[in-house]
């Protein structure tokens, strides 16, 4: 093939890739002056947040209590700057603002982004208290854990839950796109996939964690423990007149307090798993479970339901 033929081939390919029909729905037109979401800055936001919440375990390895206030202050200032910028990028990406011109739109969104970032940072002390319960639950539930510091430093579930709890606060502030990017970063890092819109109570722990999936409309109570490979998913998707899934419907499970779900169990649909239930490994659950009942596989074919509140048990 001659150089002229190659040039012609490249030009033809560029023309095909640039056709509006070929980019319908898969190309985001960027308005000049608007920031774009940055994975690099979001990674720094995550690292800063982890180091602020748990100094000495993340970020700088040397922490001096005589200067801790200064260190956290510097980190918080940097976090607010980055978070404001990324929140604005999310708002601009979604284009919810209807100001009459681009300059007014950017000003409006920047003010809103600054306020949201401030409210998120204001919640960090509360998030630390909640995350401390998650860490304690992981330590109490794992006989291999030597100390709490090991849990914070090593356990992938803690990293995933930190990302989730930060992202969930952004969801509550109606920030588009950015929360999902933050939890997907944890997904890539740990193998744990928690949708930022899910609702999760205190003392939450995931043992090992790899392959866990928690859907967007899941509601999880307090003192819930999941093992690796657990799926909290949707059973089916109601379709609209065009045959496409209807968005925004509650379609994932509700797990009440004190539920334990063992490895590779699959719980599907908007069902309720009652308080204190135990679900064994490799079990599929698609119906409600009464409080304090067990479901497990006795052998390859039999699945047993046991009510131990009224005398049953194993």
C-alpha atoms as a PDB file:
ATOM      1  CA  UNK A   1       0.000   0.000   0.000  1.00  0.00           C
ATOM      2  CA  UNK A   2       1.418   3.376  -1.032  1.00  0.00           C
ATOM      3  CA  UNK A   3       1.829   6.373   1.259  1.00  0.00           C
ATOM      4  CA  UNK A   4      -0.953   8.128  -0.666  1.00  0.00           C
ATOM      5  CA  UNK A   5      -3.284   5.162  -0.152  1.00  0.00           C
ATOM      6  CA  UNK A   6      -2.544   5.109   3.583  1.00  0.00           C
ATOM      7  CA  UNK A   7      -3.224   8.852   3.835  1.00  0.00           C
ATOM      8  CA  UNK A   8      -6.520   8.426   2.006  1.00  0.00           C
ATOM      9  CA  UNK A   9      -7.446   5.527   4.314  1.00  0.00           C
ATOM     10  CA  UNK A  10      -6.710   7.596   7.426  1.00  0.00           C
ATOM     11  CA  UNK A  11      -8.720  10.578   6.127  1.00  0.00           C
ATOM     12  CA  UNK A  12     -11.661   8.317   5.342  1.00  0.00           C
ATOM     13  CA  UNK A  13     -11.507   6.792   8.841  1.00  0.00           C
ATOM     14  CA  UNK A  14     -11.391  10.235  10.461  1.00  0.00           C
ATOM     15  CA  UNK A  15     -14.415  11.317   8.409  1.00  0.00           C
ATOM     16  CA  UNK A  16     -16.365   8.240   9.526  1.00  0.00           C
ATOM     17  CA  UNK A  17     -15.416   8.735  13.182  1.00  0.00           C
ATOM     18  CA  UNK A  18     -16.434  12.410  13.012  1.00  0.00           C
ATOM     19  CA  UNK A  19     -19.903  11.900  11.558  1.00  0.00           C
ATOM     20  CA  UNK A  20     -22.585  13.243  13.962  1.00  0.00           C
ATOM     21  CA  UNK A  21     -24.648  10.071  13.497  1.00  0.00           C
ATOM     22  CA  UNK A  22     -21.707   7.941  14.646  1.00  0.00           C
ATOM     23  CA  UNK A  23     -21.331   9.979  17.835  1.00  0.00           C
ATOM     24  CA  UNK A  24     -25.010  10.164  18.745  1.00  0.00           C
ATOM     25  CA  UNK A  25     -25.306   9.608  22.499  1.00  0.00           C
ATOM     26  CA  UNK A  26     -21.641   8.653  22.994  1.00  0.00           C
ATOM     27  CA  UNK A  27     -19.942  12.036  22.649  1.00  0.00           C
ATOM     28  CA  UNK A  28     -20.177  14.800  25.254  1.00  0.00           C
ATOM     29  CA  UNK A  29     -19.907  18.264  23.696  1.00  0.00           C
ATOM     30  CA  UNK A  30     -17.782  20.393  25.983  1.00  0.00           C
ATOM     31  CA  UNK A  31     -18.556  24.070  26.422  1.00  0.00           C
ATOM     32  CA  UNK A  32     -15.471  26.301  26.396  1.00  0.00           C
ATOM     33  CA  UNK A  33     -14.492  27.420  29.883  1.00  0.00           C
ATOM     34  CA  UNK A  34     -16.246  24.598  31.710  1.00  0.00           C
ATOM     35  CA  UNK A  35     -14.031  22.224  33.718  1.00  0.00           C
ATOM     36  CA  UNK A  36     -14.014  18.536  32.889  1.00  0.00           C
ATOM     37  CA  UNK A  37     -14.077  15.810  35.564  1.00  0.00           C
ATOM     38  CA  UNK A  38     -10.530  14.748  36.363  1.00  0.00           C
ATOM     39  CA  UNK A  39      -9.731  11.223  37.519  1.00  0.00           C
ATOM     40  CA  UNK A  40      -6.338  12.454  38.705  1.00  0.00           C
ATOM     41  CA  UNK A  41      -7.863  15.141  40.936  1.00  0.00           C
ATOM     42  CA  UNK A  42     -10.473  12.714  42.234  1.00  0.00           C
ATOM     43  CA  UNK A  43      -7.685  10.324  43.226  1.00  0.00           C
ATOM     44  CA  UNK A  44      -6.066  13.158  45.175  1.00  0.00           C
ATOM     45  CA  UNK A  45      -9.438  13.975  46.780  1.00  0.00           C
ATOM     46  CA  UNK A  46      -9.727  10.372  47.933  1.00  0.00           C
ATOM     47  CA  UNK A  47      -6.180  10.328  49.324  1.00  0.00           C
ATOM     48  CA  UNK A  48      -6.696  13.654  51.102  1.00  0.00           C
ATOM     49  CA  UNK A  49     -10.006  12.511  52.567  1.00  0.00           C
ATOM     50  CA  UNK A  50      -8.503   9.261  53.828  1.00  0.00           C
ATOM     51  CA  UNK A  51      -5.542  11.090  55.367  1.00  0.00           C
ATOM     52  CA  UNK A  52      -7.811  13.642  57.071  1.00  0.00           C
ATOM     53  CA  UNK A  53     -10.087  10.952  58.445  1.00  0.00           C
ATOM     54  CA  UNK A  54      -7.278   8.618  59.554  1.00  0.00           C
ATOM     55  CA  UNK A  55      -4.014  10.561  59.943  1.00  0.00           C
ATOM     56  CA  UNK A  56      -0.889   8.444  59.938  1.00  0.00           C
ATOM     57  CA  UNK A  57      -2.576   5.519  58.193  1.00  0.00           C
ATOM     58  CA  UNK A  58      -3.048   7.294  54.872  1.00  0.00           C
ATOM     59  CA  UNK A  59      -1.099  10.168  53.358  1.00  0.00           C
ATOM     60  CA  UNK A  60       1.953  11.327  55.324  1.00  0.00           C
ATOM     61  CA  UNK A  61       3.361   8.538  57.455  1.00  0.00           C
ATOM     62  CA  UNK A  62       4.710  10.890  60.135  1.00  0.00           C
ATOM     63  CA  UNK A  63       2.085  12.526  62.328  1.00  0.00           C
ATOM     64  CA  UNK A  64       2.946  14.763  65.251  1.00  0.00           C
ATOM     65  CA  UNK A  65       0.112  15.670  67.613  1.00  0.00           C
ATOM     66  CA  UNK A  66       1.800  19.016  68.252  1.00  0.00           C
ATOM     67  CA  UNK A  67       1.309  19.945  64.575  1.00  0.00           C
ATOM     68  CA  UNK A  68      -1.705  17.780  63.656  1.00  0.00           C
ATOM     69  CA  UNK A  69      -4.072  20.751  63.528  1.00  0.00           C
ATOM     70  CA  UNK A  70      -1.801  22.490  61.033  1.00  0.00           C
ATOM     71  CA  UNK A  71      -1.467  19.342  58.906  1.00  0.00           C
ATOM     72  CA  UNK A  72      -5.199  18.722  58.814  1.00  0.00           C
ATOM     73  CA  UNK A  73      -5.837  22.404  58.140  1.00  0.00           C
ATOM     74  CA  UNK A  74      -3.576  22.348  55.091  1.00  0.00           C
ATOM     75  CA  UNK A  75      -5.213  19.170  53.833  1.00  0.00           C
ATOM     76  CA  UNK A  76      -8.733  20.511  54.366  1.00  0.00           C
ATOM     77  CA  UNK A  77      -7.905  23.702  52.464  1.00  0.00           C
ATOM     78  CA  UNK A  78      -6.539  21.686  49.552  1.00  0.00           C
ATOM     79  CA  UNK A  79      -9.495  19.303  49.706  1.00  0.00           C
ATOM     80  CA  UNK A  80     -12.010  22.140  49.524  1.00  0.00           C
ATOM     81  CA  UNK A  81     -10.294  23.583  46.459  1.00  0.00           C
ATOM     82  CA  UNK A  82     -10.177  20.268  44.600  1.00  0.00           C
ATOM     83  CA  UNK A  83     -13.630  19.174  45.692  1.00  0.00           C
ATOM     84  CA  UNK A  84     -15.176  22.489  44.598  1.00  0.00           C
ATOM     85  CA  UNK A  85     -13.564  22.151  41.192  1.00  0.00           C
ATOM     86  CA  UNK A  86     -14.712  18.569  40.684  1.00  0.00           C
ATOM     87  CA  UNK A  87     -18.229  19.261  41.949  1.00  0.00           C
ATOM     88  CA  UNK A  88     -18.446  22.130  39.475  1.00  0.00           C
ATOM     89  CA  UNK A  89     -17.227  19.793  36.736  1.00  0.00           C
ATOM     90  CA  UNK A  90     -20.044  17.413  37.610  1.00  0.00           C
ATOM     91  CA  UNK A  91     -22.618  20.196  37.636  1.00  0.00           C
ATOM     92  CA  UNK A  92     -21.371  21.542  34.296  1.00  0.00           C
ATOM     93  CA  UNK A  93     -21.337  18.046  32.813  1.00  0.00           C
ATOM     94  CA  UNK A  94     -24.990  17.639  33.719  1.00  0.00           C
ATOM     95  CA  UNK A  95     -25.882  21.198  32.655  1.00  0.00           C
ATOM     96  CA  UNK A  96     -28.644  21.656  35.224  1.00  0.00           C
ATOM     97  CA  UNK A  97     -28.147  25.413  35.398  1.00  0.00           C
ATOM     98  CA  UNK A  98     -30.354  27.503  33.099  1.00  0.00           C
ATOM     99  CA  UNK A  99     -28.649  30.886  33.398  1.00  0.00           C
ATOM    100  CA  UNK A 100     -29.029  33.057  30.254  1.00  0.00           C
ATOM    101  CA  UNK A 101     -25.350  32.941  29.225  1.00  0.00           C
ATOM    102  CA  UNK A 102     -22.249  30.841  29.774  1.00  0.00           C
ATOM    103  CA  UNK A 103     -20.520  33.321  32.083  1.00  0.00           C
ATOM    104  CA  UNK A 104     -23.536  33.506  34.387  1.00  0.00           C
ATOM    105  CA  UNK A 105     -23.828  29.727  34.306  1.00  0.00           C
ATOM    106  CA  UNK A 106     -20.212  29.228  35.402  1.00  0.00           C
ATOM    107  CA  UNK A 107     -20.542  31.813  38.174  1.00  0.00           C
ATOM    108  CA  UNK A 108     -23.765  30.226  39.413  1.00  0.00           C
ATOM    109  CA  UNK A 109     -22.278  26.738  39.383  1.00  0.00           C
ATOM    110  CA  UNK A 110     -19.033  27.821  41.030  1.00  0.00           C
ATOM    111  CA  UNK A 111     -20.919  29.381  43.924  1.00  0.00           C
ATOM    112  CA  UNK A 112     -23.034  26.256  44.304  1.00  0.00           C
ATOM    113  CA  UNK A 113     -19.952  24.000  44.080  1.00  0.00           C
ATOM    114  CA  UNK A 114     -18.185  25.988  46.804  1.00  0.00           C
ATOM    115  CA  UNK A 115     -21.192  25.661  49.104  1.00  0.00           C
ATOM    116  CA  UNK A 116     -21.559  21.929  48.498  1.00  0.00           C
ATOM    117  CA  UNK A 117     -17.845  21.321  49.078  1.00  0.00           C
ATOM    118  CA  UNK A 118     -18.090  23.229  52.353  1.00  0.00           C
ATOM    119  CA  UNK A 119     -21.059  21.148  53.496  1.00  0.00           C
ATOM    120  CA  UNK A 120     -19.272  17.897  52.586  1.00  0.00           C
ATOM    121  CA  UNK A 121     -16.159  18.878  54.553  1.00  0.00           C
ATOM    122  CA  UNK A 122     -18.355  19.924  57.468  1.00  0.00           C
ATOM    123  CA  UNK A 123     -19.615  16.330  57.609  1.00  0.00           C
ATOM    124  CA  UNK A 124     -16.138  14.762  57.853  1.00  0.00           C
ATOM    125  CA  UNK A 125     -16.190  14.500  61.688  1.00  0.00           C
ATOM    126  CA  UNK A 126     -19.493  12.611  61.484  1.00  0.00           C
ATOM    127  CA  UNK A 127     -18.177  10.405  58.683  1.00  0.00           C
ATOM    128  CA  UNK A 128     -15.126   9.570  60.807  1.00  0.00           C
ATOM    129  CA  UNK A 129     -17.393   8.442  63.677  1.00  0.00           C
ATOM    130  CA  UNK A 130     -19.445   6.252  61.333  1.00  0.00           C
ATOM    131  CA  UNK A 131     -16.351   4.803  59.669  1.00  0.00           C
ATOM    132  CA  UNK A 132     -14.907   4.052  63.107  1.00  0.00           C
ATOM    133  CA  UNK A 133     -17.895   1.769  63.692  1.00  0.00           C
ATOM    134  CA  UNK A 134     -17.186   0.018  60.374  1.00  0.00           C
ATOM    135  CA  UNK A 135     -13.556  -0.474  61.375  1.00  0.00           C
ATOM    136  CA  UNK A 136     -14.526  -1.803  64.791  1.00  0.00           C
ATOM    137  CA  UNK A 137     -17.000  -4.220  63.205  1.00  0.00           C
ATOM    138  CA  UNK A 138     -14.294  -5.524  60.874  1.00  0.00           C
ATOM    139  CA  UNK A 139     -11.874  -5.987  63.761  1.00  0.00           C
ATOM    140  CA  UNK A 140     -14.425  -7.656  66.056  1.00  0.00           C
ATOM    141  CA  UNK A 141     -15.578  -9.992  63.291  1.00  0.00           C
ATOM    142  CA  UNK A 142     -12.188 -11.217  62.117  1.00  0.00           C
ATOM    143  CA  UNK A 143     -10.080 -13.406  64.433  1.00  0.00           C
ATOM    144  CA  UNK A 144      -7.120 -12.871  62.089  1.00  0.00           C
ATOM    145  CA  UNK A 145      -7.069  -9.128  62.761  1.00  0.00           C
ATOM    146  CA  UNK A 146      -4.207  -8.297  65.113  1.00  0.00           C
ATOM    147  CA  UNK A 147      -5.264  -4.722  65.847  1.00  0.00           C
ATOM    148  CA  UNK A 148      -7.421  -1.881  64.561  1.00  0.00           C
ATOM    149  CA  UNK A 149      -4.454  -0.285  62.810  1.00  0.00           C
ATOM    150  CA  UNK A 150      -4.073  -3.373  60.659  1.00  0.00           C
ATOM    151  CA  UNK A 151      -7.738  -3.138  59.661  1.00  0.00           C
ATOM    152  CA  UNK A 152      -7.411   0.519  58.645  1.00  0.00           C
ATOM    153  CA  UNK A 153      -4.166  -0.013  56.749  1.00  0.00           C
ATOM    154  CA  UNK A 154      -4.784  -3.316  55.008  1.00  0.00           C
ATOM    155  CA  UNK A 155      -8.440  -4.206  54.636  1.00  0.00           C
ATOM    156  CA  UNK A 156      -9.854  -3.435  51.160  1.00  0.00           C
ATOM    157  CA  UNK A 157     -13.378  -3.118  52.566  1.00  0.00           C
ATOM    158  CA  UNK A 158     -12.361  -0.089  54.624  1.00  0.00           C
ATOM    159  CA  UNK A 159     -10.986   1.684  51.565  1.00  0.00           C
ATOM    160  CA  UNK A 160     -14.128   0.877  49.582  1.00  0.00           C
ATOM    161  CA  UNK A 161     -16.435   2.019  52.371  1.00  0.00           C
ATOM    162  CA  UNK A 162     -14.516   5.287  52.842  1.00  0.00           C
ATOM    163  CA  UNK A 163     -15.034   6.030  49.152  1.00  0.00           C
ATOM    164  CA  UNK A 164     -18.677   5.004  49.353  1.00  0.00           C
ATOM    165  CA  UNK A 165     -19.482   7.162  52.390  1.00  0.00           C
ATOM    166  CA  UNK A 166     -17.845  10.223  50.833  1.00  0.00           C
ATOM    167  CA  UNK A 167     -19.575   9.589  47.494  1.00  0.00           C
ATOM    168  CA  UNK A 168     -22.936   9.023  49.203  1.00  0.00           C
ATOM    169  CA  UNK A 169     -22.781  12.489  50.754  1.00  0.00           C
ATOM    170  CA  UNK A 170     -22.246  13.888  47.265  1.00  0.00           C
ATOM    171  CA  UNK A 171     -25.283  11.937  46.050  1.00  0.00           C
ATOM    172  CA  UNK A 172     -27.362  13.487  48.835  1.00  0.00           C
ATOM    173  CA  UNK A 173     -26.218  16.888  47.527  1.00  0.00           C
ATOM    174  CA  UNK A 174     -27.427  15.903  44.020  1.00  0.00           C
ATOM    175  CA  UNK A 175     -23.945  16.129  42.514  1.00  0.00           C
ATOM    176  CA  UNK A 176     -23.925  14.293  39.162  1.00  0.00           C
ATOM    177  CA  UNK A 177     -21.279  11.862  37.892  1.00  0.00           C
ATOM    178  CA  UNK A 178     -18.550  12.552  40.502  1.00  0.00           C
ATOM    179  CA  UNK A 179     -19.953  10.179  43.190  1.00  0.00           C
ATOM    180  CA  UNK A 180     -20.039   7.292  40.729  1.00  0.00           C
ATOM    181  CA  UNK A 181     -16.481   8.001  39.609  1.00  0.00           C
ATOM    182  CA  UNK A 182     -15.332   7.878  43.248  1.00  0.00           C
ATOM    183  CA  UNK A 183     -16.967   4.512  43.984  1.00  0.00           C
ATOM    184  CA  UNK A 184     -15.771   3.057  40.679  1.00  0.00           C
ATOM    185  CA  UNK A 185     -12.233   3.999  41.687  1.00  0.00           C
ATOM    186  CA  UNK A 186     -12.720   1.911  44.813  1.00  0.00           C
ATOM    187  CA  UNK A 187     -14.184  -0.844  42.641  1.00  0.00           C
ATOM    188  CA  UNK A 188     -11.006  -0.872  40.543  1.00  0.00           C
ATOM    189  CA  UNK A 189      -8.799  -0.724  43.640  1.00  0.00           C
ATOM    190  CA  UNK A 190     -10.552  -3.352  45.770  1.00  0.00           C
ATOM    191  CA  UNK A 191     -12.943  -5.385  43.623  1.00  0.00           C
ATOM    192  CA  UNK A 192     -15.854  -4.145  45.757  1.00  0.00           C
ATOM    193  CA  UNK A 193     -18.663  -2.463  43.811  1.00  0.00           C
ATOM    194  CA  UNK A 194     -20.893  -0.248  45.984  1.00  0.00           C
ATOM    195  CA  UNK A 195     -23.220   2.139  44.207  1.00  0.00           C
ATOM    196  CA  UNK A 196     -22.994   5.574  45.858  1.00  0.00           C
ATOM    197  CA  UNK A 197     -26.784   5.896  46.038  1.00  0.00           C
ATOM    198  CA  UNK A 198     -27.169   2.820  48.268  1.00  0.00           C
ATOM    199  CA  UNK A 199     -28.066   3.469  51.917  1.00  0.00           C
ATOM    200  CA  UNK A 200     -25.839   1.727  54.475  1.00  0.00           C
ATOM    201  CA  UNK A 201     -26.042   1.929  58.270  1.00  0.00           C
ATOM    202  CA  UNK A 202     -23.301   1.822  60.897  1.00  0.00           C
ATOM    203  CA  UNK A 203     -21.009  -1.078  61.899  1.00  0.00           C
ATOM    204  CA  UNK A 204     -20.963  -2.317  58.296  1.00  0.00           C
ATOM    205  CA  UNK A 205     -18.277  -4.769  57.254  1.00  0.00           C
ATOM    206  CA  UNK A 206     -17.311  -6.857  54.255  1.00  0.00           C
ATOM    207  CA  UNK A 207     -15.010  -9.799  54.962  1.00  0.00           C
ATOM    208  CA  UNK A 208     -12.379 -10.238  52.204  1.00  0.00           C
ATOM    209  CA  UNK A 209     -14.650  -8.318  49.872  1.00  0.00           C
ATOM    210  CA  UNK A 210     -13.657  -9.316  46.350  1.00  0.00           C
ATOM    211  CA  UNK A 211     -16.649  -9.533  44.023  1.00  0.00           C
ATOM    212  CA  UNK A 212     -19.215  -7.890  46.315  1.00  0.00           C
ATOM    213  CA  UNK A 213     -21.903  -5.931  44.427  1.00  0.00           C
ATOM    214  CA  UNK A 214     -24.347  -3.560  46.152  1.00  0.00           C
ATOM    215  CA  UNK A 215     -26.996  -1.981  43.922  1.00  0.00           C
ATOM    216  CA  UNK A 216     -28.152   1.618  43.829  1.00  0.00           C
ATOM    217  CA  UNK A 217     -31.439   1.205  45.704  1.00  0.00           C
ATOM    218  CA  UNK A 218     -30.186  -1.179  48.401  1.00  0.00           C
ATOM    219  CA  UNK A 219     -31.027  -0.282  51.977  1.00  0.00           C
ATOM    220  CA  UNK A 220     -28.715  -1.891  54.541  1.00  0.00           C
ATOM    221  CA  UNK A 221     -29.244  -1.586  58.288  1.00  0.00           C
ATOM    222  CA  UNK A 222     -26.779  -1.522  61.168  1.00  0.00           C
ATOM    223  CA  UNK A 223     -24.381  -4.340  62.123  1.00  0.00           C
ATOM    224  CA  UNK A 224     -24.619  -6.062  58.729  1.00  0.00           C
ATOM    225  CA  UNK A 225     -21.807  -8.319  57.544  1.00  0.00           C
ATOM    226  CA  UNK A 226     -21.217  -9.518  53.983  1.00  0.00           C
ATOM    227  CA  UNK A 227     -18.629 -11.975  52.738  1.00  0.00           C
ATOM    228  CA  UNK A 228     -16.840 -12.094  49.391  1.00  0.00           C
ATOM    229  CA  UNK A 229     -18.845 -12.556  46.214  1.00  0.00           C
ATOM    230  CA  UNK A 230     -22.180 -11.425  47.668  1.00  0.00           C
ATOM    231  CA  UNK A 231     -24.552  -9.790  45.191  1.00  0.00           C
ATOM    232  CA  UNK A 232     -27.370  -7.493  46.299  1.00  0.00           C
ATOM    233  CA  UNK A 233     -28.947  -7.001  42.900  1.00  0.00           C
ATOM    234  CA  UNK A 234     -32.130  -6.565  40.906  1.00  0.00           C
ATOM    235  CA  UNK A 235     -34.307  -9.498  39.920  1.00  0.00           C
ATOM    236  CA  UNK A 236     -35.834  -7.843  36.878  1.00  0.00           C
ATOM    237  CA  UNK A 237     -36.245  -4.462  35.233  1.00  0.00           C
ATOM    238  CA  UNK A 238     -39.700  -3.054  34.430  1.00  0.00           C
ATOM    239  CA  UNK A 239     -39.664  -1.805  30.847  1.00  0.00           C
ATOM    240  CA  UNK A 240     -41.212   1.249  29.249  1.00  0.00           C
ATOM    241  CA  UNK A 241     -43.223   1.278  26.002  1.00  0.00           C
ATOM    242  CA  UNK A 242     -39.964   1.195  24.012  1.00  0.00           C
ATOM    243  CA  UNK A 243     -38.709  -1.864  25.862  1.00  0.00           C
ATOM    244  CA  UNK A 244     -36.073   0.026  27.852  1.00  0.00           C
ATOM    245  CA  UNK A 245     -35.600  -0.318  31.627  1.00  0.00           C
ATOM    246  CA  UNK A 246     -37.489   2.305  33.655  1.00  0.00           C
ATOM    247  CA  UNK A 247     -35.085   4.349  35.746  1.00  0.00           C
ATOM    248  CA  UNK A 248     -35.433   5.260  39.420  1.00  0.00           C
ATOM    249  CA  UNK A 249     -37.439   2.259  40.607  1.00  0.00           C
ATOM    250  CA  UNK A 250     -36.522   0.625  43.941  1.00  0.00           C
ATOM    251  CA  UNK A 251     -35.352  -2.776  42.713  1.00  0.00           C
ATOM    252  CA  UNK A 252     -32.667  -3.946  45.156  1.00  0.00           C
ATOM    253  CA  UNK A 253     -32.916  -5.726  48.536  1.00  0.00           C
ATOM    254  CA  UNK A 254     -33.506  -4.288  51.987  1.00  0.00           C
ATOM    255  CA  UNK A 255     -31.330  -5.866  54.686  1.00  0.00           C
ATOM    256  CA  UNK A 256     -32.426  -5.138  58.238  1.00  0.00           C
ATOM    257  CA  UNK A 257     -30.078  -4.918  61.236  1.00  0.00           C
ATOM    258  CA  UNK A 258     -27.760  -7.791  62.251  1.00  0.00           C
ATOM    259  CA  UNK A 259     -27.958  -9.688  58.952  1.00  0.00           C
ATOM    260  CA  UNK A 260     -25.048 -11.929  57.904  1.00  0.00           C
ATOM    261  CA  UNK A 261     -24.641 -13.008  54.279  1.00  0.00           C
ATOM    262  CA  UNK A 262     -21.992 -15.621  53.518  1.00  0.00           C
ATOM    263  CA  UNK A 263     -19.775 -15.992  50.448  1.00  0.00           C
ATOM    264  CA  UNK A 264     -21.237 -15.919  46.934  1.00  0.00           C
ATOM    265  CA  UNK A 265     -24.848 -15.631  48.082  1.00  0.00           C
ATOM    266  CA  UNK A 266     -27.122 -13.766  45.667  1.00  0.00           C
ATOM    267  CA  UNK A 267     -30.063 -11.713  46.908  1.00  0.00           C
ATOM    268  CA  UNK A 268     -32.251 -10.284  44.164  1.00  0.00           C
ATOM    269  CA  UNK A 269     -35.210  -7.926  43.903  1.00  0.00           C
ATOM    270  CA  UNK A 270     -36.973  -5.519  46.246  1.00  0.00           C
ATOM    271  CA  UNK A 271     -37.294  -8.028  49.037  1.00  0.00           C
ATOM    272  CA  UNK A 272     -36.757  -7.619  52.772  1.00  0.00           C
ATOM    273  CA  UNK A 273     -34.305  -9.734  54.727  1.00  0.00           C
ATOM    274  CA  UNK A 274     -35.515  -9.486  58.309  1.00  0.00           C
ATOM    275  CA  UNK A 275     -33.486  -8.543  61.355  1.00  0.00           C
ATOM    276  CA  UNK A 276     -30.946 -11.142  62.457  1.00  0.00           C
ATOM    277  CA  UNK A 277     -31.261 -13.361  59.377  1.00  0.00           C
ATOM    278  CA  UNK A 278     -28.364 -15.540  58.238  1.00  0.00           C
ATOM    279  CA  UNK A 279     -27.943 -16.455  54.577  1.00  0.00           C
ATOM    280  CA  UNK A 280     -25.516 -19.256  53.812  1.00  0.00           C
ATOM    281  CA  UNK A 281     -22.940 -19.477  51.047  1.00  0.00           C
ATOM    282  CA  UNK A 282     -23.957 -19.939  47.405  1.00  0.00           C
ATOM    283  CA  UNK A 283     -27.669 -19.431  48.090  1.00  0.00           C
ATOM    284  CA  UNK A 284     -30.084 -17.512  45.852  1.00  0.00           C
ATOM    285  CA  UNK A 285     -32.752 -15.511  47.690  1.00  0.00           C
ATOM    286  CA  UNK A 286     -35.632 -13.901  45.788  1.00  0.00           C
ATOM    287  CA  UNK A 287     -38.317 -13.795  48.496  1.00  0.00           C
ATOM    288  CA  UNK A 288     -38.676 -12.012  51.824  1.00  0.00           C
ATOM    289  CA  UNK A 289     -37.171 -13.659  54.885  1.00  0.00           C
ATOM    290  CA  UNK A 290     -38.781 -13.394  58.303  1.00  0.00           C
ATOM    291  CA  UNK A 291     -36.638 -11.977  61.123  1.00  0.00           C
ATOM    292  CA  UNK A 292     -34.143 -14.393  62.678  1.00  0.00           C
ATOM    293  CA  UNK A 293     -34.410 -17.088  60.020  1.00  0.00           C
ATOM    294  CA  UNK A 294     -31.679 -18.952  58.170  1.00  0.00           C
ATOM    295  CA  UNK A 295     -31.348 -20.047  54.569  1.00  0.00           C
ATOM    296  CA  UNK A 296     -28.538 -22.349  53.531  1.00  0.00           C
ATOM    297  CA  UNK A 297     -27.630 -25.227  51.238  1.00  0.00           C
ATOM    298  CA  UNK A 298     -27.543 -28.634  52.900  1.00  0.00           C
ATOM    299  CA  UNK A 299     -26.206 -30.252  49.725  1.00  0.00           C
ATOM    300  CA  UNK A 300     -25.972 -29.471  46.029  1.00  0.00           C
ATOM    301  CA  UNK A 301     -29.733 -29.450  45.478  1.00  0.00           C
ATOM    302  CA  UNK A 302     -31.488 -28.723  48.785  1.00  0.00           C
ATOM    303  CA  UNK A 303     -31.946 -25.259  50.227  1.00  0.00           C
ATOM    304  CA  UNK A 304     -33.316 -25.168  53.759  1.00  0.00           C
ATOM    305  CA  UNK A 305     -35.198 -22.383  55.497  1.00  0.00           C
ATOM    306  CA  UNK A 306     -34.892 -22.562  59.272  1.00  0.00           C
ATOM    307  CA  UNK A 307     -36.792 -20.419  61.746  1.00  0.00           C
ATOM    308  CA  UNK A 308     -34.671 -20.377  64.899  1.00  0.00           C
ATOM    309  CA  UNK A 309     -36.725 -17.719  66.659  1.00  0.00           C
ATOM    310  CA  UNK A 310     -39.311 -20.402  67.389  1.00  0.00           C
ATOM    311  CA  UNK A 311     -37.120 -23.339  68.290  1.00  0.00           C
ATOM    312  CA  UNK A 312     -35.384 -24.125  65.013  1.00  0.00           C
ATOM    313  CA  UNK A 313     -31.665 -23.796  64.479  1.00  0.00           C
ATOM    314  CA  UNK A 314     -28.512 -25.466  63.352  1.00  0.00           C
END
